Amino acid sequence: MRLRPLATAAAVFALAAPLSSCGFDAATEREYDVNGAAENREGTVDVLSAVVVSGNPGSGTFIASLSNNDLSDEQTLTGVSGAEGAPVEPADFDPVAVAPGGFVNLAEPPAAIVLTGDFEAGDFLPLSVDFGNGERISLNVPVVPDNDDAYWEGLDVS
């Protein structure tokens, strides 16, 4: 009878279709950053969309968003400095608190984390970002221009 092979084929297709469509390590399950900024999600605090906005060569403002993954303790951004021997000097700034499970955008209101050194728009700066819990995050941060028609217009307070 021809009905049995048809039923067998239908059963095999019904079982195989869900297994073959996505597989393992599907693209929809991986993080994908669609911007040109630096990001690091390895610590207690995620450092997202990090850039240095520079209106003039040799100075700029560190801008990023901070997401605290700790739901019980406040975290504090305490320092930004040059990593890997990069000649970058930060000006003094007030520590930035991030509430438990909270989110802080350093651009609104401006945190005024000013950096100086040998860099200009188009460069990448190896930076270390320090937190009050002792964690240090390393990022290779792009330097973007602060000009009249750019997305980052007006964010350089240096």
N, C-alpha and C. Protein backbone atom coordinates (compact mmCIF):
# COMPACT_ATOMS: atom_id res chain seq x y z
N MET A 1 0.83 -1.17 0.00
CA MET A 1 0.00 0.00 0.00
C MET A 1 0.88 1.24 0.00
N ARG A 2 0.48 2.26 -0.68
CA ARG A 2 1.27 3.48 -0.81
C ARG A 2 1.04 4.45 0.35
N LEU A 3 0.09 4.21 1.18
CA LEU A 3 -0.24 5.11 2.28
C LEU A 3 0.84 5.10 3.38
N ARG A 4 1.42 3.94 3.64
CA ARG A 4 2.43 3.84 4.69
C ARG A 4 3.67 4.68 4.39
N PRO A 5 4.27 4.65 3.17
CA PRO A 5 5.42 5.51 2.91
C PRO A 5 5.08 6.99 3.01
N LEU A 6 3.89 7.38 2.60
CA LEU A 6 3.48 8.78 2.69
C LEU A 6 3.36 9.21 4.15
N ALA A 7 2.79 8.37 5.00
CA ALA A 7 2.65 8.67 6.42
C ALA A 7 4.02 8.75 7.08
N THR A 8 4.93 7.85 6.70
CA THR A 8 6.29 7.87 7.26
C THR A 8 7.01 9.15 6.87
N ALA A 9 6.90 9.55 5.64
CA ALA A 9 7.54 10.79 5.18
C ALA A 9 6.98 12.00 5.91
N ALA A 10 5.69 12.03 6.13
CA ALA A 10 5.07 13.15 6.84
C ALA A 10 5.55 13.21 8.29
N ALA A 11 5.69 12.05 8.92
CA ALA A 11 6.14 12.01 10.31
C ALA A 11 7.59 12.47 10.42
N VAL A 12 8.45 12.04 9.49
CA VAL A 12 9.84 12.45 9.50
C VAL A 12 9.95 13.96 9.31
N PHE A 13 9.19 14.51 8.37
CA PHE A 13 9.21 15.95 8.12
C PHE A 13 8.73 16.72 9.36
N ALA A 14 7.67 16.24 10.01
CA ALA A 14 7.12 16.91 11.19
C ALA A 14 8.12 16.95 12.33
N LEU A 15 8.94 15.91 12.46
CA LEU A 15 9.93 15.88 13.52
C LEU A 15 11.19 16.66 13.17
N ALA A 16 11.58 16.65 11.90
CA ALA A 16 12.83 17.28 11.49
C ALA A 16 12.71 18.79 11.29
N ALA A 17 11.57 19.28 10.90
CA ALA A 17 11.42 20.70 10.58
C ALA A 17 11.77 21.62 11.75
N PRO A 18 11.24 21.36 12.96
CA PRO A 18 11.60 22.27 14.06
C PRO A 18 13.09 22.21 14.43
N LEU A 19 13.72 21.07 14.25
CA LEU A 19 15.11 20.93 14.63
C LEU A 19 16.06 21.55 13.62
N SER A 20 15.65 21.63 12.39
CA SER A 20 16.56 22.12 11.35
C SER A 20 16.45 23.62 11.10
N SER A 21 15.41 24.27 11.60
CA SER A 21 15.20 25.67 11.25
C SER A 21 16.19 26.62 11.92
N CYS A 22 16.53 26.39 13.16
CA CYS A 22 17.41 27.34 13.84
C CYS A 22 18.75 26.74 14.23
N GLY A 23 18.74 25.55 14.71
CA GLY A 23 20.00 24.94 15.14
C GLY A 23 20.48 25.56 16.43
N PHE A 24 21.77 25.43 16.68
CA PHE A 24 22.38 25.96 17.88
C PHE A 24 23.13 27.24 17.55
N ASP A 25 23.29 28.11 18.55
CA ASP A 25 23.98 29.38 18.37
C ASP A 25 23.33 30.23 17.27
N ALA A 26 22.02 30.31 17.35
CA ALA A 26 21.27 31.09 16.36
C ALA A 26 21.64 32.57 16.45
N ALA A 27 21.63 33.25 15.34
CA ALA A 27 21.99 34.68 15.29
C ALA A 27 21.10 35.51 16.21
N THR A 28 19.88 35.11 16.39
CA THR A 28 18.97 35.88 17.25
C THR A 28 19.29 35.73 18.72
N GLU A 29 20.17 34.80 19.08
CA GLU A 29 20.53 34.61 20.48
C GLU A 29 21.88 35.23 20.83
N ARG A 30 22.54 35.86 19.87
CA ARG A 30 23.84 36.50 20.10
C ARG A 30 23.67 38.01 20.21
N GLU A 31 24.52 38.64 21.03
CA GLU A 31 24.49 40.10 21.12
C GLU A 31 25.07 40.68 19.84
N TYR A 32 24.44 41.73 19.35
CA TYR A 32 24.89 42.37 18.12
C TYR A 32 24.80 43.87 18.32
N ASP A 33 25.95 44.52 18.29
CA ASP A 33 26.00 45.97 18.45
C ASP A 33 25.94 46.62 17.09
N VAL A 34 24.95 47.46 16.87
CA VAL A 34 24.76 48.07 15.56
C VAL A 34 25.32 49.49 15.48
N ASN A 35 26.09 49.88 16.47
CA ASN A 35 26.66 51.23 16.44
C ASN A 35 28.18 51.14 16.34
N GLY A 36 28.81 52.28 16.17
CA GLY A 36 30.26 52.32 16.05
C GLY A 36 30.96 52.57 17.36
N ALA A 37 30.23 52.52 18.47
CA ALA A 37 30.80 52.80 19.78
C ALA A 37 31.33 51.50 20.41
N ALA A 38 32.06 51.65 21.50
CA ALA A 38 32.60 50.50 22.22
C ALA A 38 31.61 50.04 23.29
N GLU A 39 31.58 48.73 23.53
CA GLU A 39 30.71 48.17 24.54
C GLU A 39 31.41 47.04 25.27
N ASN A 40 31.08 46.88 26.55
CA ASN A 40 31.60 45.78 27.35
C ASN A 40 30.52 45.34 28.32
N ARG A 41 30.17 44.06 28.25
CA ARG A 41 29.11 43.50 29.11
C ARG A 41 29.66 42.42 30.03
N GLU A 42 30.94 42.48 30.37
CA GLU A 42 31.57 41.42 31.15
C GLU A 42 31.53 41.64 32.65
N GLY A 43 31.28 42.85 33.10
CA GLY A 43 31.34 43.14 34.53
C GLY A 43 29.97 43.28 35.16
N THR A 44 29.98 43.72 36.41
CA THR A 44 28.73 43.99 37.13
C THR A 44 27.97 45.12 36.46
N VAL A 45 28.71 46.08 35.91
CA VAL A 45 28.11 47.20 35.20
C VAL A 45 28.44 47.07 33.71
N ASP A 46 27.41 47.08 32.87
CA ASP A 46 27.63 47.09 31.41
C ASP A 46 27.99 48.52 31.00
N VAL A 47 29.07 48.65 30.23
CA VAL A 47 29.46 49.94 29.67
C VAL A 47 29.03 49.91 28.21
N LEU A 48 28.07 50.76 27.85
CA LEU A 48 27.44 50.70 26.53
C LEU A 48 27.64 52.00 25.75
N SER A 49 27.80 51.88 24.45
CA SER A 49 27.90 53.02 23.54
C SER A 49 28.95 54.03 23.97
N ALA A 50 30.13 53.56 24.36
CA ALA A 50 31.19 54.43 24.85
C ALA A 50 31.92 55.10 23.70
N VAL A 51 32.07 56.42 23.78
CA VAL A 51 32.82 57.21 22.81
C VAL A 51 33.52 58.34 23.56
N VAL A 52 34.51 58.94 22.91
CA VAL A 52 35.09 60.20 23.37
C VAL A 52 34.71 61.23 22.30
N VAL A 53 33.94 62.23 22.70
CA VAL A 53 33.50 63.27 21.79
C VAL A 53 34.52 64.40 21.84
N SER A 54 35.10 64.73 20.67
CA SER A 54 36.19 65.70 20.63
C SER A 54 35.89 66.83 19.64
N GLY A 55 35.89 68.07 20.16
CA GLY A 55 35.72 69.24 19.31
C GLY A 55 37.05 69.80 18.84
N ASN A 56 38.12 69.49 19.55
CA ASN A 56 39.47 69.97 19.22
C ASN A 56 40.47 68.85 19.48
N PRO A 57 41.50 68.75 18.66
CA PRO A 57 42.52 67.73 18.91
C PRO A 57 43.13 67.88 20.30
N GLY A 58 43.33 66.75 20.97
CA GLY A 58 43.97 66.77 22.28
C GLY A 58 43.04 66.80 23.46
N SER A 59 41.74 66.93 23.23
CA SER A 59 40.80 66.93 24.35
C SER A 59 39.45 66.38 23.90
N GLY A 60 38.71 65.88 24.86
CA GLY A 60 37.39 65.33 24.56
C GLY A 60 36.66 64.94 25.82
N THR A 61 35.43 64.52 25.65
CA THR A 61 34.57 64.14 26.76
C THR A 61 34.15 62.69 26.61
N PHE A 62 34.35 61.90 27.69
CA PHE A 62 33.94 60.50 27.70
C PHE A 62 32.43 60.43 27.89
N ILE A 63 31.76 59.76 26.95
CA ILE A 63 30.31 59.58 27.00
C ILE A 63 30.01 58.09 26.90
N ALA A 64 29.12 57.58 27.73
CA ALA A 64 28.71 56.18 27.69
C ALA A 64 27.40 56.05 28.47
N SER A 65 26.79 54.89 28.36
CA SER A 65 25.66 54.54 29.20
C SER A 65 26.11 53.41 30.10
N LEU A 66 25.65 53.43 31.34
CA LEU A 66 26.04 52.43 32.33
C LEU A 66 24.79 51.71 32.83
N SER A 67 24.82 50.39 32.78
CA SER A 67 23.69 49.58 33.23
C SER A 67 24.16 48.67 34.36
N ASN A 68 23.60 48.86 35.54
CA ASN A 68 24.00 48.10 36.72
C ASN A 68 23.22 46.77 36.74
N ASN A 69 23.94 45.66 36.60
CA ASN A 69 23.31 44.34 36.62
C ASN A 69 23.10 43.81 38.03
N ASP A 70 23.64 44.48 39.03
CA ASP A 70 23.46 44.09 40.42
C ASP A 70 22.12 44.67 40.90
N LEU A 71 21.22 43.79 41.30
CA LEU A 71 19.89 44.25 41.70
C LEU A 71 19.80 44.64 43.17
N SER A 72 20.90 44.47 43.92
CA SER A 72 20.83 44.81 45.33
C SER A 72 21.79 45.93 45.76
N ASP A 73 22.89 46.14 45.03
CA ASP A 73 23.87 47.14 45.45
C ASP A 73 24.08 48.21 44.38
N GLU A 74 24.21 49.46 44.86
CA GLU A 74 24.56 50.57 43.99
C GLU A 74 26.02 50.39 43.54
N GLN A 75 26.31 50.76 42.32
CA GLN A 75 27.68 50.74 41.80
C GLN A 75 28.07 52.17 41.46
N THR A 76 29.37 52.46 41.47
CA THR A 76 29.84 53.83 41.25
C THR A 76 30.99 53.84 40.25
N LEU A 77 30.85 54.67 39.22
CA LEU A 77 31.95 54.93 38.28
C LEU A 77 32.91 55.88 38.99
N THR A 78 34.15 55.43 39.17
CA THR A 78 35.11 56.24 39.94
C THR A 78 36.27 56.77 39.11
N GLY A 79 36.52 56.19 37.92
CA GLY A 79 37.66 56.66 37.16
C GLY A 79 37.64 56.22 35.71
N VAL A 80 38.25 57.02 34.86
CA VAL A 80 38.49 56.70 33.46
C VAL A 80 39.92 57.11 33.17
N SER A 81 40.70 56.20 32.60
CA SER A 81 42.11 56.51 32.34
C SER A 81 42.58 55.79 31.09
N GLY A 82 43.74 56.19 30.61
CA GLY A 82 44.35 55.53 29.47
C GLY A 82 44.82 54.13 29.85
N ALA A 83 44.58 53.16 28.98
CA ALA A 83 45.03 51.79 29.20
C ALA A 83 46.16 51.48 28.23
N GLU A 84 46.89 50.42 28.50
CA GLU A 84 47.96 49.96 27.61
C GLU A 84 48.97 51.06 27.30
N GLY A 85 49.23 51.91 28.28
CA GLY A 85 50.22 52.98 28.11
C GLY A 85 49.74 54.17 27.30
N ALA A 86 48.44 54.25 27.00
CA ALA A 86 47.91 55.38 26.23
C ALA A 86 48.08 56.67 27.03
N PRO A 87 48.64 57.71 26.41
CA PRO A 87 48.87 58.98 27.12
C PRO A 87 47.59 59.80 27.22
N VAL A 88 46.67 59.34 28.05
CA VAL A 88 45.40 60.02 28.25
C VAL A 88 45.28 60.37 29.72
N GLU A 89 44.97 61.63 30.00
CA GLU A 89 44.83 62.10 31.37
C GLU A 89 43.40 62.57 31.62
N PRO A 90 42.75 62.04 32.64
CA PRO A 90 41.41 62.51 32.97
C PRO A 90 41.46 63.71 33.91
N ALA A 91 40.53 64.61 33.74
CA ALA A 91 40.34 65.68 34.71
C ALA A 91 39.55 65.10 35.88
N ASP A 92 39.60 65.77 37.02
CA ASP A 92 38.82 65.32 38.17
C ASP A 92 37.33 65.41 37.85
N PHE A 93 36.58 64.41 38.29
CA PHE A 93 35.12 64.45 38.12
C PHE A 93 34.48 63.78 39.32
N ASP A 94 33.22 64.14 39.56
CA ASP A 94 32.48 63.53 40.66
C ASP A 94 32.12 62.11 40.29
N PRO A 95 32.26 61.16 41.23
CA PRO A 95 31.85 59.78 40.95
C PRO A 95 30.38 59.73 40.52
N VAL A 96 30.09 58.79 39.63
CA VAL A 96 28.73 58.66 39.09
C VAL A 96 28.10 57.40 39.67
N ALA A 97 27.03 57.57 40.44
CA ALA A 97 26.33 56.43 41.06
C ALA A 97 25.32 55.84 40.09
N VAL A 98 25.24 54.50 40.10
CA VAL A 98 24.25 53.79 39.29
C VAL A 98 23.44 52.93 40.26
N ALA A 99 22.16 53.22 40.38
CA ALA A 99 21.29 52.54 41.33
C ALA A 99 21.21 51.04 41.04
N PRO A 100 20.86 50.22 42.03
CA PRO A 100 20.70 48.79 41.78
C PRO A 100 19.72 48.55 40.63
N GLY A 101 20.17 47.80 39.63
CA GLY A 101 19.33 47.54 38.46
C GLY A 101 19.10 48.78 37.62
N GLY A 102 19.85 49.85 37.88
CA GLY A 102 19.61 51.14 37.22
C GLY A 102 20.43 51.35 35.95
N PHE A 103 20.16 52.48 35.32
CA PHE A 103 20.77 52.86 34.05
C PHE A 103 21.09 54.34 34.11
N VAL A 104 22.32 54.71 33.70
CA VAL A 104 22.73 56.11 33.68
C VAL A 104 23.34 56.41 32.32
N ASN A 105 22.89 57.50 31.71
CA ASN A 105 23.47 57.99 30.47
C ASN A 105 24.37 59.17 30.84
N LEU A 106 25.67 59.06 30.58
CA LEU A 106 26.62 60.11 30.97
C LEU A 106 26.47 61.39 30.15
N ALA A 107 25.63 61.36 29.12
CA ALA A 107 25.41 62.55 28.30
C ALA A 107 24.25 63.40 28.81
N GLU A 108 23.35 62.81 29.58
CA GLU A 108 22.14 63.53 30.02
C GLU A 108 21.85 63.22 31.48
N PRO A 109 22.07 64.11 32.39
CA PRO A 109 22.82 65.36 32.24
C PRO A 109 24.30 65.05 32.08
N PRO A 110 25.04 65.98 31.50
CA PRO A 110 26.46 65.71 31.24
C PRO A 110 27.25 65.44 32.52
N ALA A 111 28.01 64.35 32.50
CA ALA A 111 28.85 64.01 33.66
C ALA A 111 30.18 64.75 33.60
N ALA A 112 30.50 65.34 32.46
CA ALA A 112 31.72 66.15 32.27
C ALA A 112 32.99 65.38 32.63
N ILE A 113 33.13 64.19 32.04
CA ILE A 113 34.35 63.40 32.23
C ILE A 113 35.29 63.78 31.08
N VAL A 114 36.16 64.76 31.35
CA VAL A 114 37.03 65.34 30.33
C VAL A 114 38.36 64.59 30.30
N LEU A 115 38.81 64.26 29.09
CA LEU A 115 40.09 63.60 28.88
C LEU A 115 40.98 64.48 28.01
N THR A 116 42.28 64.47 28.30
CA THR A 116 43.24 65.18 27.45
C THR A 116 44.36 64.21 27.08
N GLY A 117 44.98 64.47 25.93
CA GLY A 117 46.08 63.62 25.49
C GLY A 117 46.34 63.80 24.01
N ASP A 118 47.10 62.89 23.44
CA ASP A 118 47.46 62.96 22.03
C ASP A 118 46.46 62.14 21.21
N PHE A 119 45.30 62.75 20.92
CA PHE A 119 44.26 62.08 20.12
C PHE A 119 43.42 63.11 19.40
N GLU A 120 42.69 62.66 18.39
CA GLU A 120 41.76 63.51 17.65
C GLU A 120 40.66 62.63 17.07
N ALA A 121 39.63 63.26 16.53
CA ALA A 121 38.52 62.53 15.94
C ALA A 121 39.04 61.55 14.89
N GLY A 122 38.53 60.33 14.94
CA GLY A 122 38.96 59.28 14.03
C GLY A 122 39.89 58.28 14.69
N ASP A 123 40.47 58.63 15.83
CA ASP A 123 41.35 57.72 16.56
C ASP A 123 40.53 56.76 17.42
N PHE A 124 41.21 55.75 17.92
CA PHE A 124 40.65 54.85 18.94
C PHE A 124 41.56 54.92 20.15
N LEU A 125 40.95 55.07 21.34
CA LEU A 125 41.71 55.17 22.58
C LEU A 125 41.49 53.93 23.44
N PRO A 126 42.57 53.27 23.85
CA PRO A 126 42.41 52.19 24.83
C PRO A 126 42.20 52.83 26.20
N LEU A 127 41.03 52.61 26.78
CA LEU A 127 40.67 53.22 28.06
C LEU A 127 40.34 52.15 29.09
N SER A 128 40.58 52.48 30.34
CA SER A 128 40.14 51.67 31.47
C SER A 128 39.08 52.45 32.22
N VAL A 129 38.00 51.77 32.55
CA VAL A 129 36.90 52.38 33.29
C VAL A 129 36.84 51.67 34.65
N ASP A 130 36.96 52.43 35.74
CA ASP A 130 37.03 51.86 37.08
C ASP A 130 35.74 52.10 37.85
N PHE A 131 35.40 51.09 38.67
CA PHE A 131 34.18 51.16 39.49
C PHE A 131 34.55 50.98 40.96
N GLY A 132 33.69 51.48 41.82
CA GLY A 132 33.92 51.43 43.26
C GLY A 132 34.01 50.03 43.83
N ASN A 133 33.50 49.03 43.14
CA ASN A 133 33.58 47.65 43.64
C ASN A 133 34.92 47.00 43.28
N GLY A 134 35.84 47.76 42.67
CA GLY A 134 37.15 47.24 42.32
C GLY A 134 37.27 46.73 40.89
N GLU A 135 36.17 46.65 40.17
CA GLU A 135 36.22 46.18 38.78
C GLU A 135 36.83 47.23 37.87
N ARG A 136 37.61 46.76 36.92
CA ARG A 136 38.19 47.63 35.89
C ARG A 136 37.82 47.02 34.54
N ILE A 137 37.20 47.84 33.69
CA ILE A 137 36.76 47.41 32.36
C ILE A 137 37.68 48.08 31.34
N SER A 138 38.18 47.31 30.40
CA SER A 138 39.02 47.86 29.33
C SER A 138 38.22 47.92 28.03
N LEU A 139 38.35 49.05 27.34
CA LEU A 139 37.63 49.28 26.09
C LEU A 139 38.55 49.97 25.09
N ASN A 140 38.34 49.72 23.82
CA ASN A 140 39.01 50.46 22.75
C ASN A 140 37.96 51.43 22.20
N VAL A 141 37.99 52.67 22.64
CA VAL A 141 36.91 53.64 22.44
C VAL A 141 37.19 54.55 21.25
N PRO A 142 36.21 54.70 20.34
CA PRO A 142 36.42 55.62 19.21
C PRO A 142 36.30 57.07 19.65
N VAL A 143 37.09 57.93 18.99
CA VAL A 143 36.99 59.37 19.20
C VAL A 143 36.16 59.92 18.04
N VAL A 144 35.03 60.54 18.37
CA VAL A 144 34.10 61.03 17.36
C VAL A 144 34.08 62.56 17.37
N PRO A 145 33.77 63.18 16.22
CA PRO A 145 33.80 64.65 16.16
C PRO A 145 32.57 65.28 16.79
N ASP A 146 32.79 66.42 17.41
CA ASP A 146 31.70 67.27 17.92
C ASP A 146 31.60 68.45 16.96
N ASN A 147 30.79 68.28 15.91
CA ASN A 147 30.62 69.38 14.97
C ASN A 147 29.14 69.66 14.76
N ASP A 148 28.84 70.69 14.00
CA ASP A 148 27.47 71.20 13.90
C ASP A 148 26.45 70.26 13.31
N ASP A 149 26.87 69.28 12.53
CA ASP A 149 25.89 68.41 11.89
C ASP A 149 26.04 66.95 12.30
N ALA A 150 26.71 66.69 13.41
CA ALA A 150 26.94 65.33 13.86
C ALA A 150 25.99 64.94 14.97
N TYR A 151 25.84 63.65 15.17
CA TYR A 151 24.98 63.10 16.22
C TYR A 151 25.46 63.54 17.61
N TRP A 152 26.76 63.73 17.75
CA TRP A 152 27.36 64.04 19.04
C TRP A 152 27.48 65.54 19.29
N GLU A 153 26.84 66.35 18.48
CA GLU A 153 26.95 67.81 18.57
C GLU A 153 26.68 68.32 19.98
N GLY A 154 27.61 69.14 20.47
CA GLY A 154 27.44 69.80 21.76
C GLY A 154 27.76 68.97 22.98
N LEU A 155 28.23 67.74 22.82
CA LEU A 155 28.50 66.89 23.99
C LEU A 155 29.93 67.02 24.52
N ASP A 156 30.81 67.66 23.77
CA ASP A 156 32.17 67.86 24.26
C ASP A 156 32.19 69.09 25.16
N VAL A 157 32.48 68.88 26.44
CA VAL A 157 32.52 69.99 27.39
C VAL A 157 33.95 70.38 27.75
N SER A 158 34.92 69.80 27.01
CA SER A 158 36.33 70.08 27.34
C SER A 158 36.73 71.47 26.87
